[in-house]
Amino acid sequence: MLTGVLLTRPDGLNEALARTLQLRQIAYQIIPLIEITQLDVQADARLLIEDLDRNDIMIFVSRQAVRFGLPVLERYWPQWPQLQWLSVGPGTAEELKQLGIASVFPDSPGSEGLLELAQLHRPEGKQILIVSGHGGRALLGDTLSNQGALVQYLAVYERRKIGHAGLWQRMREAGIDTIVVSSVQILDSFSQACSLRHRQDVQLIATSTRIGEQAIRQGYNKVHVADDASTGGLLKAIETLMIRD
């Protein structure tokens, strides 16, 4: 049975779930396990931005892609060119909506869901710009390229792991037995801080099947995959663990 939850997303991305847990009197602790920093715009990236109007479709693969990427794009484009805006999921779409941009997003967040959108069916000959972090997952771009699209990446941020000495002891003292993991980088960071025995003891809530499968390969055996990465999806997963015997 769940007694407390560790929230591990970067600074500024845990608050919505934390507020919800507080309202339901569920113990939690926030310890970011990765940090996100903006990348400087180099000459090749500047050319991609200046040629934005040559694209048919622009895809934002995360909220961070919007937060770090859109201000850079706005420096060059005070008025947006005509193109199709796509988001990886509802959270990213909401970030764009708050900035006055309507985007299309899949029912199932993620690269696989994006590839099911009608806008990406038969992409041959289309120019597509993917706004992402450095070294992100390549499935989306590779699949579209193999289907004949001209795909380019605009990397606007990078992720760095944060080390935490004595993390497991801090969790024990706070009564935390469950961790929410929303990326492979966060999973790797936690695994580096904890022994195999600790990984076998902790309950892990993954925001996707891919992360869950990677966690099992790293020695976790109490893995639960949330329906999605939204606050509602994670809360449902947490409450499910709370009522288990």
C-alpha atoms as a PDB file:
ATOM      1  CA  MET A   1       0.000   0.000   0.000  1.00  0.00           C
ATOM      2  CA  LEU A   2       1.242   3.462  -0.889  1.00  0.00           C
ATOM      3  CA  THR A   3       2.266   5.757   1.992  1.00  0.00           C
ATOM      4  CA  GLY A   4       3.984   8.676   0.239  1.00  0.00           C
ATOM      5  CA  VAL A   5       5.021   9.831  -3.234  1.00  0.00           C
ATOM      6  CA  LEU A   6       8.276  11.242  -4.594  1.00  0.00           C
ATOM      7  CA  LEU A   7       7.783  13.780  -7.403  1.00  0.00           C
ATOM      8  CA  THR A   8      10.862  13.979  -9.604  1.00  0.00           C
ATOM      9  CA  ARG A   9      10.165  16.209 -12.584  1.00  0.00           C
ATOM     10  CA  PRO A  10      12.311  19.335 -13.136  1.00  0.00           C
ATOM     11  CA  ASP A  11      11.625  22.500 -11.144  1.00  0.00           C
ATOM     12  CA  GLY A  12       8.268  24.033 -11.973  1.00  0.00           C
ATOM     13  CA  LEU A  13       6.668  20.860 -13.331  1.00  0.00           C
ATOM     14  CA  ASN A  14       5.596  19.138 -10.103  1.00  0.00           C
ATOM     15  CA  GLU A  15       3.293  21.771  -8.629  1.00  0.00           C
ATOM     16  CA  ALA A  16      -0.018  20.765 -10.213  1.00  0.00           C
ATOM     17  CA  LEU A  17       0.239  17.182  -8.987  1.00  0.00           C
ATOM     18  CA  ALA A  18       1.581  18.336  -5.613  1.00  0.00           C
ATOM     19  CA  ARG A  19      -1.449  20.584  -5.075  1.00  0.00           C
ATOM     20  CA  THR A  20      -3.784  17.727  -5.943  1.00  0.00           C
ATOM     21  CA  LEU A  21      -2.020  15.356  -3.536  1.00  0.00           C
ATOM     22  CA  GLN A  22      -2.136  17.968  -0.789  1.00  0.00           C
ATOM     23  CA  LEU A  23      -5.885  18.410  -1.230  1.00  0.00           C
ATOM     24  CA  ARG A  24      -6.314  14.644  -0.854  1.00  0.00           C
ATOM     25  CA  GLN A  25      -3.950  14.553   2.135  1.00  0.00           C
ATOM     26  CA  ILE A  26      -1.500  12.244   0.380  1.00  0.00           C
ATOM     27  CA  ALA A  27       2.080  12.643   1.602  1.00  0.00           C
ATOM     28  CA  TYR A  28       4.612  13.703  -1.007  1.00  0.00           C
ATOM     29  CA  GLN A  29       8.063  15.153  -1.434  1.00  0.00           C
ATOM     30  CA  ILE A  30       9.501  17.059  -4.401  1.00  0.00           C
ATOM     31  CA  ILE A  31      13.069  16.190  -5.375  1.00  0.00           C
ATOM     32  CA  PRO A  32      13.827  16.970  -9.054  1.00  0.00           C
ATOM     33  CA  LEU A  33      16.136  14.328 -10.524  1.00  0.00           C
ATOM     34  CA  ILE A  34      16.910  16.206 -13.742  1.00  0.00           C
ATOM     35  CA  GLU A  35      17.269  19.861 -14.635  1.00  0.00           C
ATOM     36  CA  ILE A  36      16.462  21.501 -17.940  1.00  0.00           C
ATOM     37  CA  THR A  37      18.557  24.318 -19.367  1.00  0.00           C
ATOM     38  CA  GLN A  38      18.115  26.360 -22.514  1.00  0.00           C
ATOM     39  CA  LEU A  39      20.474  25.881 -25.436  1.00  0.00           C
ATOM     40  CA  ASP A  40      22.051  28.851 -27.167  1.00  0.00           C
ATOM     41  CA  VAL A  41      20.917  29.464 -30.724  1.00  0.00           C
ATOM     42  CA  GLN A  42      23.781  28.478 -33.006  1.00  0.00           C
ATOM     43  CA  ALA A  43      24.140  29.405 -36.686  1.00  0.00           C
ATOM     44  CA  ASP A  44      22.504  26.214 -37.984  1.00  0.00           C
ATOM     45  CA  ALA A  45      19.550  26.616 -35.613  1.00  0.00           C
ATOM     46  CA  ARG A  46      19.165  30.241 -36.643  1.00  0.00           C
ATOM     47  CA  LEU A  47      18.862  29.183 -40.275  1.00  0.00           C
ATOM     48  CA  LEU A  48      16.106  26.721 -39.361  1.00  0.00           C
ATOM     49  CA  ILE A  49      14.226  29.486 -37.571  1.00  0.00           C
ATOM     50  CA  GLU A  50      14.647  31.998 -40.377  1.00  0.00           C
ATOM     51  CA  ASP A  51      13.285  29.405 -42.823  1.00  0.00           C
ATOM     52  CA  LEU A  52      10.314  28.535 -40.626  1.00  0.00           C
ATOM     53  CA  ASP A  53       7.822  29.448 -43.360  1.00  0.00           C
ATOM     54  CA  ARG A  54       9.225  26.727 -45.611  1.00  0.00           C
ATOM     55  CA  ASN A  55       7.782  24.048 -43.320  1.00  0.00           C
ATOM     56  CA  ASP A  56       4.380  22.469 -43.696  1.00  0.00           C
ATOM     57  CA  ILE A  57       4.192  21.153 -40.132  1.00  0.00           C
ATOM     58  CA  MET A  58       5.838  22.066 -36.822  1.00  0.00           C
ATOM     59  CA  ILE A  59       5.754  19.591 -33.932  1.00  0.00           C
ATOM     60  CA  PHE A  60       6.408  20.376 -30.268  1.00  0.00           C
ATOM     61  CA  VAL A  61       7.362  17.213 -28.393  1.00  0.00           C
ATOM     62  CA  SER A  62       7.126  18.545 -24.815  1.00  0.00           C
ATOM     63  CA  ARG A  63       6.026  21.457 -22.685  1.00  0.00           C
ATOM     64  CA  GLN A  64       9.674  22.445 -22.388  1.00  0.00           C
ATOM     65  CA  ALA A  65       9.911  22.649 -26.165  1.00  0.00           C
ATOM     66  CA  VAL A  66       7.203  25.315 -26.026  1.00  0.00           C
ATOM     67  CA  ARG A  67       8.589  27.142 -22.994  1.00  0.00           C
ATOM     68  CA  PHE A  68      12.130  27.334 -24.333  1.00  0.00           C
ATOM     69  CA  GLY A  69      11.444  27.304 -28.059  1.00  0.00           C
ATOM     70  CA  LEU A  70       8.607  29.729 -28.641  1.00  0.00           C
ATOM     71  CA  PRO A  71      10.349  32.827 -27.201  1.00  0.00           C
ATOM     72  CA  VAL A  72      13.283  32.145 -29.538  1.00  0.00           C
ATOM     73  CA  LEU A  73      10.983  31.719 -32.543  1.00  0.00           C
ATOM     74  CA  GLU A  74       9.119  34.925 -31.694  1.00  0.00           C
ATOM     75  CA  ARG A  75      12.315  36.948 -32.006  1.00  0.00           C
ATOM     76  CA  TYR A  76      12.366  36.141 -35.704  1.00  0.00           C
ATOM     77  CA  TRP A  77       8.646  35.794 -36.389  1.00  0.00           C
ATOM     78  CA  PRO A  78       6.440  38.513 -34.827  1.00  0.00           C
ATOM     79  CA  GLN A  79       3.670  37.111 -37.045  1.00  0.00           C
ATOM     80  CA  TRP A  80       3.480  33.352 -37.495  1.00  0.00           C
ATOM     81  CA  PRO A  81       3.635  31.855 -40.997  1.00  0.00           C
ATOM     82  CA  GLN A  82       0.876  29.577 -42.236  1.00  0.00           C
ATOM     83  CA  LEU A  83       1.662  26.024 -41.140  1.00  0.00           C
ATOM     84  CA  GLN A  84       0.167  23.174 -39.124  1.00  0.00           C
ATOM     85  CA  TRP A  85       1.018  23.104 -35.404  1.00  0.00           C
ATOM     86  CA  LEU A  86       1.088  19.721 -33.652  1.00  0.00           C
ATOM     87  CA  SER A  87       1.644  18.877 -29.967  1.00  0.00           C
ATOM     88  CA  VAL A  88       2.705  15.617 -28.375  1.00  0.00           C
ATOM     89  CA  GLY A  89      -0.176  15.715 -25.889  1.00  0.00           C
ATOM     90  CA  PRO A  90      -2.736  17.893 -24.097  1.00  0.00           C
ATOM     91  CA  GLY A  91      -0.232  19.457 -21.688  1.00  0.00           C
ATOM     92  CA  THR A  92       1.958  20.712 -24.511  1.00  0.00           C
ATOM     93  CA  ALA A  93      -1.111  21.868 -26.427  1.00  0.00           C
ATOM     94  CA  GLU A  94      -2.228  23.853 -23.369  1.00  0.00           C
ATOM     95  CA  GLU A  95       1.171  25.569 -23.203  1.00  0.00           C
ATOM     96  CA  LEU A  96       0.721  26.682 -26.822  1.00  0.00           C
ATOM     97  CA  LYS A  97      -2.907  27.678 -26.237  1.00  0.00           C
ATOM     98  CA  GLN A  98      -1.867  30.003 -23.415  1.00  0.00           C
ATOM     99  CA  LEU A  99       0.340  31.752 -25.960  1.00  0.00           C
ATOM    100  CA  GLY A 100      -2.477  32.070 -28.474  1.00  0.00           C
ATOM    101  CA  ILE A 101      -1.618  29.111 -30.685  1.00  0.00           C
ATOM    102  CA  ALA A 102      -4.072  26.313 -31.433  1.00  0.00           C
ATOM    103  CA  SER A 103      -2.507  22.919 -32.087  1.00  0.00           C
ATOM    104  CA  VAL A 104      -3.648  19.397 -32.844  1.00  0.00           C
ATOM    105  CA  PHE A 105      -2.648  16.607 -30.437  1.00  0.00           C
ATOM    106  CA  PRO A 106      -3.300  12.855 -30.239  1.00  0.00           C
ATOM    107  CA  ASP A 107      -5.651  11.072 -27.859  1.00  0.00           C
ATOM    108  CA  SER A 108      -2.705   8.936 -26.734  1.00  0.00           C
ATOM    109  CA  PRO A 109       0.212  11.275 -25.905  1.00  0.00           C
ATOM    110  CA  GLY A 110       3.604  10.368 -27.313  1.00  0.00           C
ATOM    111  CA  SER A 111       5.389   9.780 -30.585  1.00  0.00           C
ATOM    112  CA  GLU A 112       3.265   6.741 -31.373  1.00  0.00           C
ATOM    113  CA  GLY A 113       0.094   8.773 -30.901  1.00  0.00           C
ATOM    114  CA  LEU A 114       1.392  11.613 -33.060  1.00  0.00           C
ATOM    115  CA  LEU A 115       2.099   9.213 -35.895  1.00  0.00           C
ATOM    116  CA  GLU A 116      -1.567   8.199 -35.870  1.00  0.00           C
ATOM    117  CA  LEU A 117      -2.774  11.761 -36.511  1.00  0.00           C
ATOM    118  CA  ALA A 118      -4.381  12.413 -39.877  1.00  0.00           C
ATOM    119  CA  GLN A 119      -1.979  15.340 -40.381  1.00  0.00           C
ATOM    120  CA  LEU A 120       0.941  12.898 -40.452  1.00  0.00           C
ATOM    121  CA  HIS A 121      -0.593  10.253 -42.681  1.00  0.00           C
ATOM    122  CA  ARG A 122       1.137  10.100 -46.062  1.00  0.00           C
ATOM    123  CA  PRO A 123       3.803  12.691 -45.101  1.00  0.00           C
ATOM    124  CA  GLU A 124       5.905  12.187 -48.224  1.00  0.00           C
ATOM    125  CA  GLY A 125       7.218  15.471 -49.612  1.00  0.00           C
ATOM    126  CA  LYS A 126       6.239  17.517 -46.559  1.00  0.00           C
ATOM    127  CA  GLN A 127       8.752  19.591 -44.649  1.00  0.00           C
ATOM    128  CA  ILE A 128       8.461  19.015 -40.907  1.00  0.00           C
ATOM    129  CA  LEU A 129      10.273  20.815 -38.096  1.00  0.00           C
ATOM    130  CA  ILE A 130      10.413  19.057 -34.716  1.00  0.00           C
ATOM    131  CA  VAL A 131      11.080  21.337 -31.739  1.00  0.00           C
ATOM    132  CA  SER A 132      12.649  19.223 -29.012  1.00  0.00           C
ATOM    133  CA  GLY A 133      15.400  18.762 -26.478  1.00  0.00           C
ATOM    134  CA  HIS A 134      18.925  17.750 -27.355  1.00  0.00           C
ATOM    135  CA  GLY A 135      19.307  14.010 -27.779  1.00  0.00           C
ATOM    136  CA  GLY A 136      15.622  13.197 -27.465  1.00  0.00           C
ATOM    137  CA  ARG A 137      13.844  10.125 -28.735  1.00  0.00           C
ATOM    138  CA  ALA A 138      14.282   9.605 -32.499  1.00  0.00           C
ATOM    139  CA  LEU A 139      11.244   7.425 -33.282  1.00  0.00           C
ATOM    140  CA  LEU A 140       9.060  10.256 -34.571  1.00  0.00           C
ATOM    141  CA  GLY A 141      11.591  11.809 -36.907  1.00  0.00           C
ATOM    142  CA  ASP A 142      12.968   8.506 -38.143  1.00  0.00           C
ATOM    143  CA  THR A 143       9.497   7.174 -38.966  1.00  0.00           C
ATOM    144  CA  LEU A 144       8.463  10.309 -40.836  1.00  0.00           C
ATOM    145  CA  SER A 145      11.764  10.405 -42.741  1.00  0.00           C
ATOM    146  CA  ASN A 146      11.334   6.769 -43.760  1.00  0.00           C
ATOM    147  CA  GLN A 147       7.892   7.694 -45.092  1.00  0.00           C
ATOM    148  CA  GLY A 148       9.332  10.387 -47.348  1.00  0.00           C
ATOM    149  CA  ALA A 149       9.082  13.545 -45.235  1.00  0.00           C
ATOM    150  CA  LEU A 150      11.911  16.063 -44.967  1.00  0.00           C
ATOM    151  CA  VAL A 151      12.445  16.231 -41.212  1.00  0.00           C
ATOM    152  CA  GLN A 152      14.648  18.662 -39.317  1.00  0.00           C
ATOM    153  CA  TYR A 153      15.155  19.147 -35.574  1.00  0.00           C
ATOM    154  CA  LEU A 154      15.366  22.387 -33.630  1.00  0.00           C
ATOM    155  CA  ALA A 155      16.881  21.525 -30.230  1.00  0.00           C
ATOM    156  CA  VAL A 156      16.107  24.284 -27.729  1.00  0.00           C
ATOM    157  CA  TYR A 157      16.977  22.681 -24.373  1.00  0.00           C
ATOM    158  CA  GLU A 158      18.959  19.889 -22.777  1.00  0.00           C
ATOM    159  CA  ARG A 159      18.401  17.656 -19.768  1.00  0.00           C
ATOM    160  CA  ARG A 160      21.009  17.049 -17.088  1.00  0.00           C
ATOM    161  CA  LYS A 161      20.819  14.510 -14.287  1.00  0.00           C
ATOM    162  CA  ILE A 162      20.921  15.773 -10.712  1.00  0.00           C
ATOM    163  CA  GLY A 163      22.769  13.613  -8.214  1.00  0.00           C
ATOM    164  CA  HIS A 164      21.357  13.240  -4.699  1.00  0.00           C
ATOM    165  CA  ALA A 165      23.550  11.649  -2.039  1.00  0.00           C
ATOM    166  CA  GLY A 166      21.519   9.765   0.540  1.00  0.00           C
ATOM    167  CA  LEU A 167      18.326   9.936  -1.530  1.00  0.00           C
ATOM    168  CA  TRP A 168      16.977   6.605  -0.303  1.00  0.00           C
ATOM    169  CA  GLN A 169      17.551   7.595   3.340  1.00  0.00           C
ATOM    170  CA  ARG A 170      15.692  10.864   2.769  1.00  0.00           C
ATOM    171  CA  MET A 171      12.775   8.931   1.291  1.00  0.00           C
ATOM    172  CA  ARG A 172      12.681   6.518   4.238  1.00  0.00           C
ATOM    173  CA  GLU A 173      12.724   9.348   6.766  1.00  0.00           C
ATOM    174  CA  ALA A 174       9.860  11.087   4.947  1.00  0.00           C
ATOM    175  CA  GLY A 175       7.797   7.897   4.658  1.00  0.00           C
ATOM    176  CA  ILE A 176       8.053   7.858   0.867  1.00  0.00           C
ATOM    177  CA  ASP A 177       7.697   4.468  -0.791  1.00  0.00           C
ATOM    178  CA  THR A 178       6.533   5.414  -4.310  1.00  0.00           C
ATOM    179  CA  ILE A 179       8.214   7.383  -7.086  1.00  0.00           C
ATOM    180  CA  VAL A 180       6.682   8.984 -10.181  1.00  0.00           C
ATOM    181  CA  VAL A 181       8.937   8.706 -13.237  1.00  0.00           C
ATOM    182  CA  SER A 182       8.113  10.653 -16.396  1.00  0.00           C
ATOM    183  CA  SER A 183      11.253  10.090 -18.485  1.00  0.00           C
ATOM    184  CA  VAL A 184      14.048   7.586 -18.994  1.00  0.00           C
ATOM    185  CA  GLN A 185      16.528  10.251 -17.861  1.00  0.00           C
ATOM    186  CA  ILE A 186      14.736  10.554 -14.509  1.00  0.00           C
ATOM    187  CA  LEU A 187      14.663   6.778 -14.198  1.00  0.00           C
ATOM    188  CA  ASP A 188      18.415   6.579 -14.856  1.00  0.00           C
ATOM    189  CA  SER A 189      19.098   9.326 -12.321  1.00  0.00           C
ATOM    190  CA  PHE A 190      17.123   7.529  -9.623  1.00  0.00           C
ATOM    191  CA  SER A 191      18.734   4.186 -10.450  1.00  0.00           C
ATOM    192  CA  GLN A 192      22.189   5.687 -10.057  1.00  0.00           C
ATOM    193  CA  ALA A 193      21.267   6.952  -6.588  1.00  0.00           C
ATOM    194  CA  CYS A 194      19.761   3.665  -5.332  1.00  0.00           C
ATOM    195  CA  SER A 195      20.967   0.098  -5.020  1.00  0.00           C
ATOM    196  CA  LEU A 196      19.304  -2.835  -6.748  1.00  0.00           C
ATOM    197  CA  ARG A 197      17.699  -3.847  -3.444  1.00  0.00           C
ATOM    198  CA  HIS A 198      16.151  -0.394  -3.094  1.00  0.00           C
ATOM    199  CA  ARG A 199      14.857  -0.563  -6.659  1.00  0.00           C
ATOM    200  CA  GLN A 200      13.129  -3.815  -5.801  1.00  0.00           C
ATOM    201  CA  ASP A 201      11.519  -2.251  -2.730  1.00  0.00           C
ATOM    202  CA  VAL A 202      10.179   0.980  -4.234  1.00  0.00           C
ATOM    203  CA  GLN A 203       6.861   1.258  -6.049  1.00  0.00           C
ATOM    204  CA  LEU A 204       7.379   2.993  -9.393  1.00  0.00           C
ATOM    205  CA  ILE A 205       4.703   4.796 -11.388  1.00  0.00           C
ATOM    206  CA  ALA A 206       5.778   5.276 -15.008  1.00  0.00           C
ATOM    207  CA  THR A 207       4.043   7.692 -17.363  1.00  0.00           C
ATOM    208  CA  SER A 208       4.424   5.384 -20.367  1.00  0.00           C
ATOM    209  CA  THR A 209       4.817   1.719 -21.218  1.00  0.00           C
ATOM    210  CA  ARG A 210       8.266   2.436 -22.647  1.00  0.00           C
ATOM    211  CA  ILE A 211       9.491   3.863 -19.330  1.00  0.00           C
ATOM    212  CA  GLY A 212       7.868   1.007 -17.423  1.00  0.00           C
ATOM    213  CA  GLU A 213       9.605  -1.605 -19.552  1.00  0.00           C
ATOM    214  CA  GLN A 214      12.941   0.154 -19.082  1.00  0.00           C
ATOM    215  CA  ALA A 215      12.366   0.206 -15.314  1.00  0.00           C
ATOM    216  CA  ILE A 216      11.794  -3.556 -15.267  1.00  0.00           C
ATOM    217  CA  ARG A 217      15.045  -4.047 -17.172  1.00  0.00           C
ATOM    218  CA  GLN A 218      16.813  -1.995 -14.487  1.00  0.00           C
ATOM    219  CA  GLY A 219      15.587  -4.245 -11.695  1.00  0.00           C
ATOM    220  CA  TYR A 220      12.322  -2.649 -10.542  1.00  0.00           C
ATOM    221  CA  ASN A 221       9.600  -5.215  -9.913  1.00  0.00           C
ATOM    222  CA  LYS A 222       6.787  -3.015  -8.574  1.00  0.00           C
ATOM    223  CA  VAL A 223       6.032  -1.058 -11.745  1.00  0.00           C
ATOM    224  CA  HIS A 224       2.669   0.535 -12.497  1.00  0.00           C
ATOM    225  CA  VAL A 225       2.052   2.361 -15.799  1.00  0.00           C
ATOM    226  CA  ALA A 226      -0.282   5.350 -15.562  1.00  0.00           C
ATOM    227  CA  ASP A 227      -2.927   5.899 -18.212  1.00  0.00           C
ATOM    228  CA  ASP A 228      -1.089   9.081 -19.233  1.00  0.00           C
ATOM    229  CA  ALA A 229       1.247  11.753 -17.870  1.00  0.00           C
ATOM    230  CA  SER A 230      -1.496  14.236 -16.943  1.00  0.00           C
ATOM    231  CA  THR A 231      -2.262  15.165 -13.348  1.00  0.00           C
ATOM    232  CA  GLY A 232      -5.491  13.172 -13.592  1.00  0.00           C
ATOM    233  CA  GLY A 233      -3.755  10.115 -15.021  1.00  0.00           C
ATOM    234  CA  LEU A 234      -1.068  10.145 -12.334  1.00  0.00           C
ATOM    235  CA  LEU A 235      -3.564  10.723  -9.544  1.00  0.00           C
ATOM    236  CA  LYS A 236      -5.566   7.714 -10.706  1.00  0.00           C
ATOM    237  CA  ALA A 237      -2.425   5.560 -10.600  1.00  0.00           C
ATOM    238  CA  ILE A 238      -1.519   6.833  -7.137  1.00  0.00           C
ATOM    239  CA  GLU A 239      -5.004   6.233  -5.744  1.00  0.00           C
ATOM    240  CA  THR A 240      -5.007   2.725  -7.228  1.00  0.00           C
ATOM    241  CA  LEU A 241      -1.860   1.899  -5.280  1.00  0.00           C
ATOM    242  CA  MET A 242      -3.326   3.399  -2.110  1.00  0.00           C
ATOM    243  CA  ILE A 243      -6.210   0.944  -2.019  1.00  0.00           C
ATOM    244  CA  ARG A 244      -4.174  -2.166  -2.805  1.00  0.00           C
ATOM    245  CA  ASP A 245      -3.629  -4.640  -0.007  1.00  0.00           C
END
